[in-house]
Amino acid sequence: MVLGIIGTIIFGAIIGVLARLVLPGRQNISALMTVVLGILGALVGYWIWGAPKDDGSIDWLRWITSVIAAAVFVVVYERVIASRKA
């Protein structure tokens, strides 16, 4: 259980960083929010493509879907925060 939570946080951090890398320009969000949005993206990717395979291979579709979902979350988060500051 604890290892699963730690793994999700690490996976979410990687997904969040990758999501910010694929977006053009600079995103004005904190590192903590990057991890949180990455975790949300990872959960969406996991939910869409189901449980990972147990054959030891990397599930590329789940990774790509997770990065895309996290990138969408980053854009939406930035828009919501920007509208509150205006």
N, C-alpha and C. Protein backbone atom coordinates (compact mmCIF):
# COMPACT_ATOMS: atom_id res chain seq x y z
N MET A 1 0.83 -1.19 0.00
CA MET A 1 0.00 0.00 0.00
C MET A 1 0.88 1.26 0.00
N VAL A 2 1.84 1.32 0.94
CA VAL A 2 2.70 2.49 1.03
C VAL A 2 3.56 2.61 -0.23
N LEU A 3 4.07 1.48 -0.71
CA LEU A 3 4.87 1.52 -1.94
C LEU A 3 4.04 1.96 -3.14
N GLY A 4 2.78 1.59 -3.16
CA GLY A 4 1.89 2.02 -4.24
C GLY A 4 1.68 3.52 -4.23
N ILE A 5 1.54 4.09 -3.04
CA ILE A 5 1.36 5.54 -2.91
C ILE A 5 2.63 6.27 -3.31
N ILE A 6 3.78 5.77 -2.84
CA ILE A 6 5.06 6.38 -3.21
C ILE A 6 5.28 6.28 -4.72
N GLY A 7 4.97 5.13 -5.28
CA GLY A 7 5.11 4.94 -6.73
C GLY A 7 4.22 5.89 -7.51
N THR A 8 3.00 6.10 -7.03
CA THR A 8 2.08 7.02 -7.70
C THR A 8 2.60 8.45 -7.65
N ILE A 9 3.18 8.84 -6.51
CA ILE A 9 3.73 10.19 -6.40
C ILE A 9 4.91 10.37 -7.35
N ILE A 10 5.79 9.38 -7.40
CA ILE A 10 6.94 9.47 -8.31
C ILE A 10 6.48 9.48 -9.76
N PHE A 11 5.56 8.58 -10.12
CA PHE A 11 5.01 8.52 -11.47
C PHE A 11 4.32 9.85 -11.81
N GLY A 12 3.58 10.40 -10.86
CA GLY A 12 2.89 11.67 -11.07
C GLY A 12 3.87 12.82 -11.28
N ALA A 13 4.96 12.82 -10.52
CA ALA A 13 5.97 13.86 -10.69
C ALA A 13 6.59 13.79 -12.08
N ILE A 14 6.90 12.60 -12.52
CA ILE A 14 7.47 12.43 -13.87
C ILE A 14 6.47 12.87 -14.93
N ILE A 15 5.23 12.45 -14.79
CA ILE A 15 4.18 12.81 -15.75
C ILE A 15 3.97 14.33 -15.75
N GLY A 16 3.96 14.95 -14.58
CA GLY A 16 3.78 16.41 -14.49
C GLY A 16 4.90 17.16 -15.19
N VAL A 17 6.14 16.73 -14.97
CA VAL A 17 7.28 17.38 -15.62
C VAL A 17 7.21 17.19 -17.13
N LEU A 18 6.89 15.98 -17.58
CA LEU A 18 6.76 15.74 -19.02
C LEU A 18 5.64 16.57 -19.63
N ALA A 19 4.54 16.72 -18.89
CA ALA A 19 3.43 17.53 -19.39
C ALA A 19 3.86 18.98 -19.57
N ARG A 20 4.61 19.51 -18.61
CA ARG A 20 5.07 20.89 -18.73
C ARG A 20 6.09 21.04 -19.85
N LEU A 21 6.87 20.00 -20.12
CA LEU A 21 7.85 20.06 -21.20
C LEU A 21 7.19 20.10 -22.58
N VAL A 22 6.06 19.40 -22.74
CA VAL A 22 5.42 19.36 -24.05
C VAL A 22 4.60 20.61 -24.34
N LEU A 23 4.30 21.39 -23.32
CA LEU A 23 3.53 22.62 -23.53
C LEU A 23 4.47 23.76 -23.94
N PRO A 24 4.06 24.57 -24.90
CA PRO A 24 4.91 25.70 -25.29
C PRO A 24 4.89 26.81 -24.25
N GLY A 25 5.98 27.53 -24.17
CA GLY A 25 6.05 28.67 -23.26
C GLY A 25 6.30 28.24 -21.82
N ARG A 26 6.23 29.23 -20.95
CA ARG A 26 6.49 29.00 -19.53
C ARG A 26 5.17 28.89 -18.78
N GLN A 27 5.08 27.91 -17.91
CA GLN A 27 3.90 27.74 -17.08
C GLN A 27 4.21 28.31 -15.70
N ASN A 28 3.32 29.09 -15.20
CA ASN A 28 3.53 29.77 -13.92
C ASN A 28 2.81 29.00 -12.80
N ILE A 29 3.28 27.76 -12.54
CA ILE A 29 2.72 26.97 -11.45
C ILE A 29 3.86 26.39 -10.62
N SER A 30 3.55 26.05 -9.39
CA SER A 30 4.58 25.56 -8.46
C SER A 30 4.94 24.10 -8.77
N ALA A 31 6.05 23.67 -8.18
CA ALA A 31 6.49 22.28 -8.34
C ALA A 31 5.48 21.33 -7.69
N LEU A 32 4.93 21.73 -6.54
CA LEU A 32 3.94 20.90 -5.87
C LEU A 32 2.69 20.72 -6.74
N MET A 33 2.23 21.81 -7.36
CA MET A 33 1.06 21.71 -8.23
C MET A 33 1.38 20.88 -9.46
N THR A 34 2.61 20.94 -9.95
CA THR A 34 3.03 20.10 -11.07
C THR A 34 2.88 18.63 -10.71
N VAL A 35 3.31 18.26 -9.50
CA VAL A 35 3.19 16.87 -9.06
C VAL A 35 1.73 16.48 -8.90
N VAL A 36 0.93 17.36 -8.30
CA VAL A 36 -0.50 17.06 -8.10
C VAL A 36 -1.20 16.86 -9.44
N LEU A 37 -0.96 17.76 -10.39
CA LEU A 37 -1.58 17.63 -11.71
C LEU A 37 -1.04 16.42 -12.45
N GLY A 38 0.23 16.10 -12.24
CA GLY A 38 0.80 14.89 -12.84
C GLY A 38 0.16 13.63 -12.28
N ILE A 39 -0.09 13.61 -10.98
CA ILE A 39 -0.77 12.46 -10.37
C ILE A 39 -2.18 12.32 -10.94
N LEU A 40 -2.88 13.44 -11.08
CA LEU A 40 -4.22 13.39 -11.69
C LEU A 40 -4.15 12.86 -13.12
N GLY A 41 -3.16 13.33 -13.88
CA GLY A 41 -2.99 12.84 -15.24
C GLY A 41 -2.66 11.36 -15.28
N ALA A 42 -1.82 10.91 -14.35
CA ALA A 42 -1.48 9.49 -14.27
C ALA A 42 -2.71 8.65 -13.95
N LEU A 43 -3.54 9.14 -13.04
CA LEU A 43 -4.76 8.41 -12.69
C LEU A 43 -5.72 8.33 -13.88
N VAL A 44 -5.80 9.42 -14.64
CA VAL A 44 -6.66 9.41 -15.84
C VAL A 44 -6.12 8.40 -16.86
N GLY A 45 -4.81 8.43 -17.09
CA GLY A 45 -4.21 7.47 -18.02
C GLY A 45 -4.41 6.04 -17.58
N TYR A 46 -4.27 5.79 -16.28
CA TYR A 46 -4.49 4.46 -15.72
C TYR A 46 -5.94 4.05 -15.90
N TRP A 47 -6.86 4.99 -15.65
CA TRP A 47 -8.29 4.68 -15.75
C TRP A 47 -8.70 4.40 -17.19
N ILE A 48 -8.19 5.21 -18.13
CA ILE A 48 -8.58 5.03 -19.54
C ILE A 48 -8.06 3.71 -20.11
N TRP A 49 -6.81 3.38 -19.83
CA TRP A 49 -6.20 2.18 -20.43
C TRP A 49 -6.21 0.97 -19.52
N GLY A 50 -6.75 1.10 -18.33
CA GLY A 50 -6.84 -0.05 -17.44
C GLY A 50 -5.54 -0.35 -16.75
N ALA A 51 -5.54 -1.43 -16.01
CA ALA A 51 -4.35 -1.84 -15.24
C ALA A 51 -3.20 -2.16 -16.19
N PRO A 52 -1.96 -1.86 -15.74
CA PRO A 52 -0.82 -2.17 -16.59
C PRO A 52 -0.65 -3.67 -16.78
N LYS A 53 0.00 -4.03 -17.86
CA LYS A 53 0.26 -5.44 -18.15
C LYS A 53 1.33 -5.96 -17.20
N ASP A 54 1.28 -7.24 -16.92
CA ASP A 54 2.26 -7.85 -16.02
C ASP A 54 3.38 -8.53 -16.78
N ASP A 55 3.56 -8.21 -18.06
CA ASP A 55 4.60 -8.87 -18.84
C ASP A 55 5.95 -8.16 -18.75
N GLY A 56 6.06 -7.14 -17.92
CA GLY A 56 7.32 -6.45 -17.72
C GLY A 56 7.62 -5.36 -18.73
N SER A 57 6.76 -5.18 -19.71
CA SER A 57 6.99 -4.14 -20.71
C SER A 57 6.38 -2.81 -20.27
N ILE A 58 6.81 -1.75 -20.92
CA ILE A 58 6.28 -0.43 -20.62
C ILE A 58 5.01 -0.21 -21.42
N ASP A 59 3.98 0.26 -20.77
CA ASP A 59 2.70 0.52 -21.42
C ASP A 59 2.73 1.96 -21.96
N TRP A 60 3.21 2.11 -23.20
CA TRP A 60 3.41 3.44 -23.79
C TRP A 60 2.11 4.22 -23.95
N LEU A 61 1.03 3.53 -24.29
CA LEU A 61 -0.25 4.24 -24.46
C LEU A 61 -0.70 4.87 -23.15
N ARG A 62 -0.48 4.19 -22.05
CA ARG A 62 -0.86 4.74 -20.75
C ARG A 62 0.02 5.95 -20.41
N TRP A 63 1.32 5.88 -20.71
CA TRP A 63 2.22 7.01 -20.45
C TRP A 63 1.81 8.21 -21.29
N ILE A 64 1.57 7.99 -22.58
CA ILE A 64 1.22 9.09 -23.47
C ILE A 64 -0.11 9.71 -23.06
N THR A 65 -1.09 8.88 -22.75
CA THR A 65 -2.39 9.37 -22.31
C THR A 65 -2.25 10.15 -21.00
N SER A 66 -1.42 9.67 -20.10
CA SER A 66 -1.21 10.36 -18.82
C SER A 66 -0.57 11.72 -19.03
N VAL A 67 0.42 11.82 -19.92
CA VAL A 67 1.07 13.10 -20.20
C VAL A 67 0.08 14.08 -20.82
N ILE A 68 -0.71 13.60 -21.77
CA ILE A 68 -1.71 14.47 -22.41
C ILE A 68 -2.73 14.96 -21.38
N ALA A 69 -3.22 14.06 -20.54
CA ALA A 69 -4.20 14.45 -19.51
C ALA A 69 -3.59 15.46 -18.55
N ALA A 70 -2.34 15.23 -18.12
CA ALA A 70 -1.70 16.17 -17.21
C ALA A 70 -1.48 17.52 -17.88
N ALA A 71 -1.12 17.52 -19.17
CA ALA A 71 -0.94 18.78 -19.89
C ALA A 71 -2.26 19.56 -19.95
N VAL A 72 -3.34 18.86 -20.17
CA VAL A 72 -4.66 19.51 -20.17
C VAL A 72 -4.95 20.09 -18.79
N PHE A 73 -4.65 19.33 -17.73
CA PHE A 73 -4.86 19.83 -16.38
C PHE A 73 -4.02 21.08 -16.11
N VAL A 74 -2.77 21.10 -16.59
CA VAL A 74 -1.90 22.27 -16.40
C VAL A 74 -2.50 23.49 -17.08
N VAL A 75 -2.96 23.32 -18.33
CA VAL A 75 -3.54 24.44 -19.07
C VAL A 75 -4.80 24.94 -18.38
N VAL A 76 -5.67 24.03 -17.96
CA VAL A 76 -6.91 24.42 -17.29
C VAL A 76 -6.59 25.12 -15.97
N TYR A 77 -5.65 24.58 -15.21
CA TYR A 77 -5.28 25.19 -13.95
C TYR A 77 -4.75 26.61 -14.16
N GLU A 78 -3.89 26.78 -15.15
CA GLU A 78 -3.35 28.11 -15.44
C GLU A 78 -4.45 29.08 -15.83
N ARG A 79 -5.41 28.63 -16.63
CA ARG A 79 -6.51 29.52 -17.04
C ARG A 79 -7.36 29.93 -15.85
N VAL A 80 -7.63 28.98 -14.95
CA VAL A 80 -8.45 29.29 -13.78
C VAL A 80 -7.72 30.26 -12.88
N ILE A 81 -6.44 30.03 -12.63
CA ILE A 81 -5.66 30.92 -11.77
C ILE A 81 -5.52 32.30 -12.42
N ALA A 82 -5.27 32.34 -13.72
CA ALA A 82 -5.13 33.62 -14.43
C ALA A 82 -6.43 34.43 -14.38
N SER A 83 -7.58 33.75 -14.48
CA SER A 83 -8.85 34.47 -14.44
C SER A 83 -9.13 35.02 -13.05
N ARG A 84 -8.61 34.35 -12.01
CA ARG A 84 -8.81 34.86 -10.64
C ARG A 84 -7.94 36.07 -10.35
N LYS A 85 -6.76 36.15 -10.99
CA LYS A 85 -5.86 37.26 -10.76
C LYS A 85 -6.25 38.50 -11.56
N ALA A 86 -7.02 38.31 -12.62
CA ALA A 86 -7.39 39.45 -13.49
C ALA A 86 -8.52 40.24 -12.92
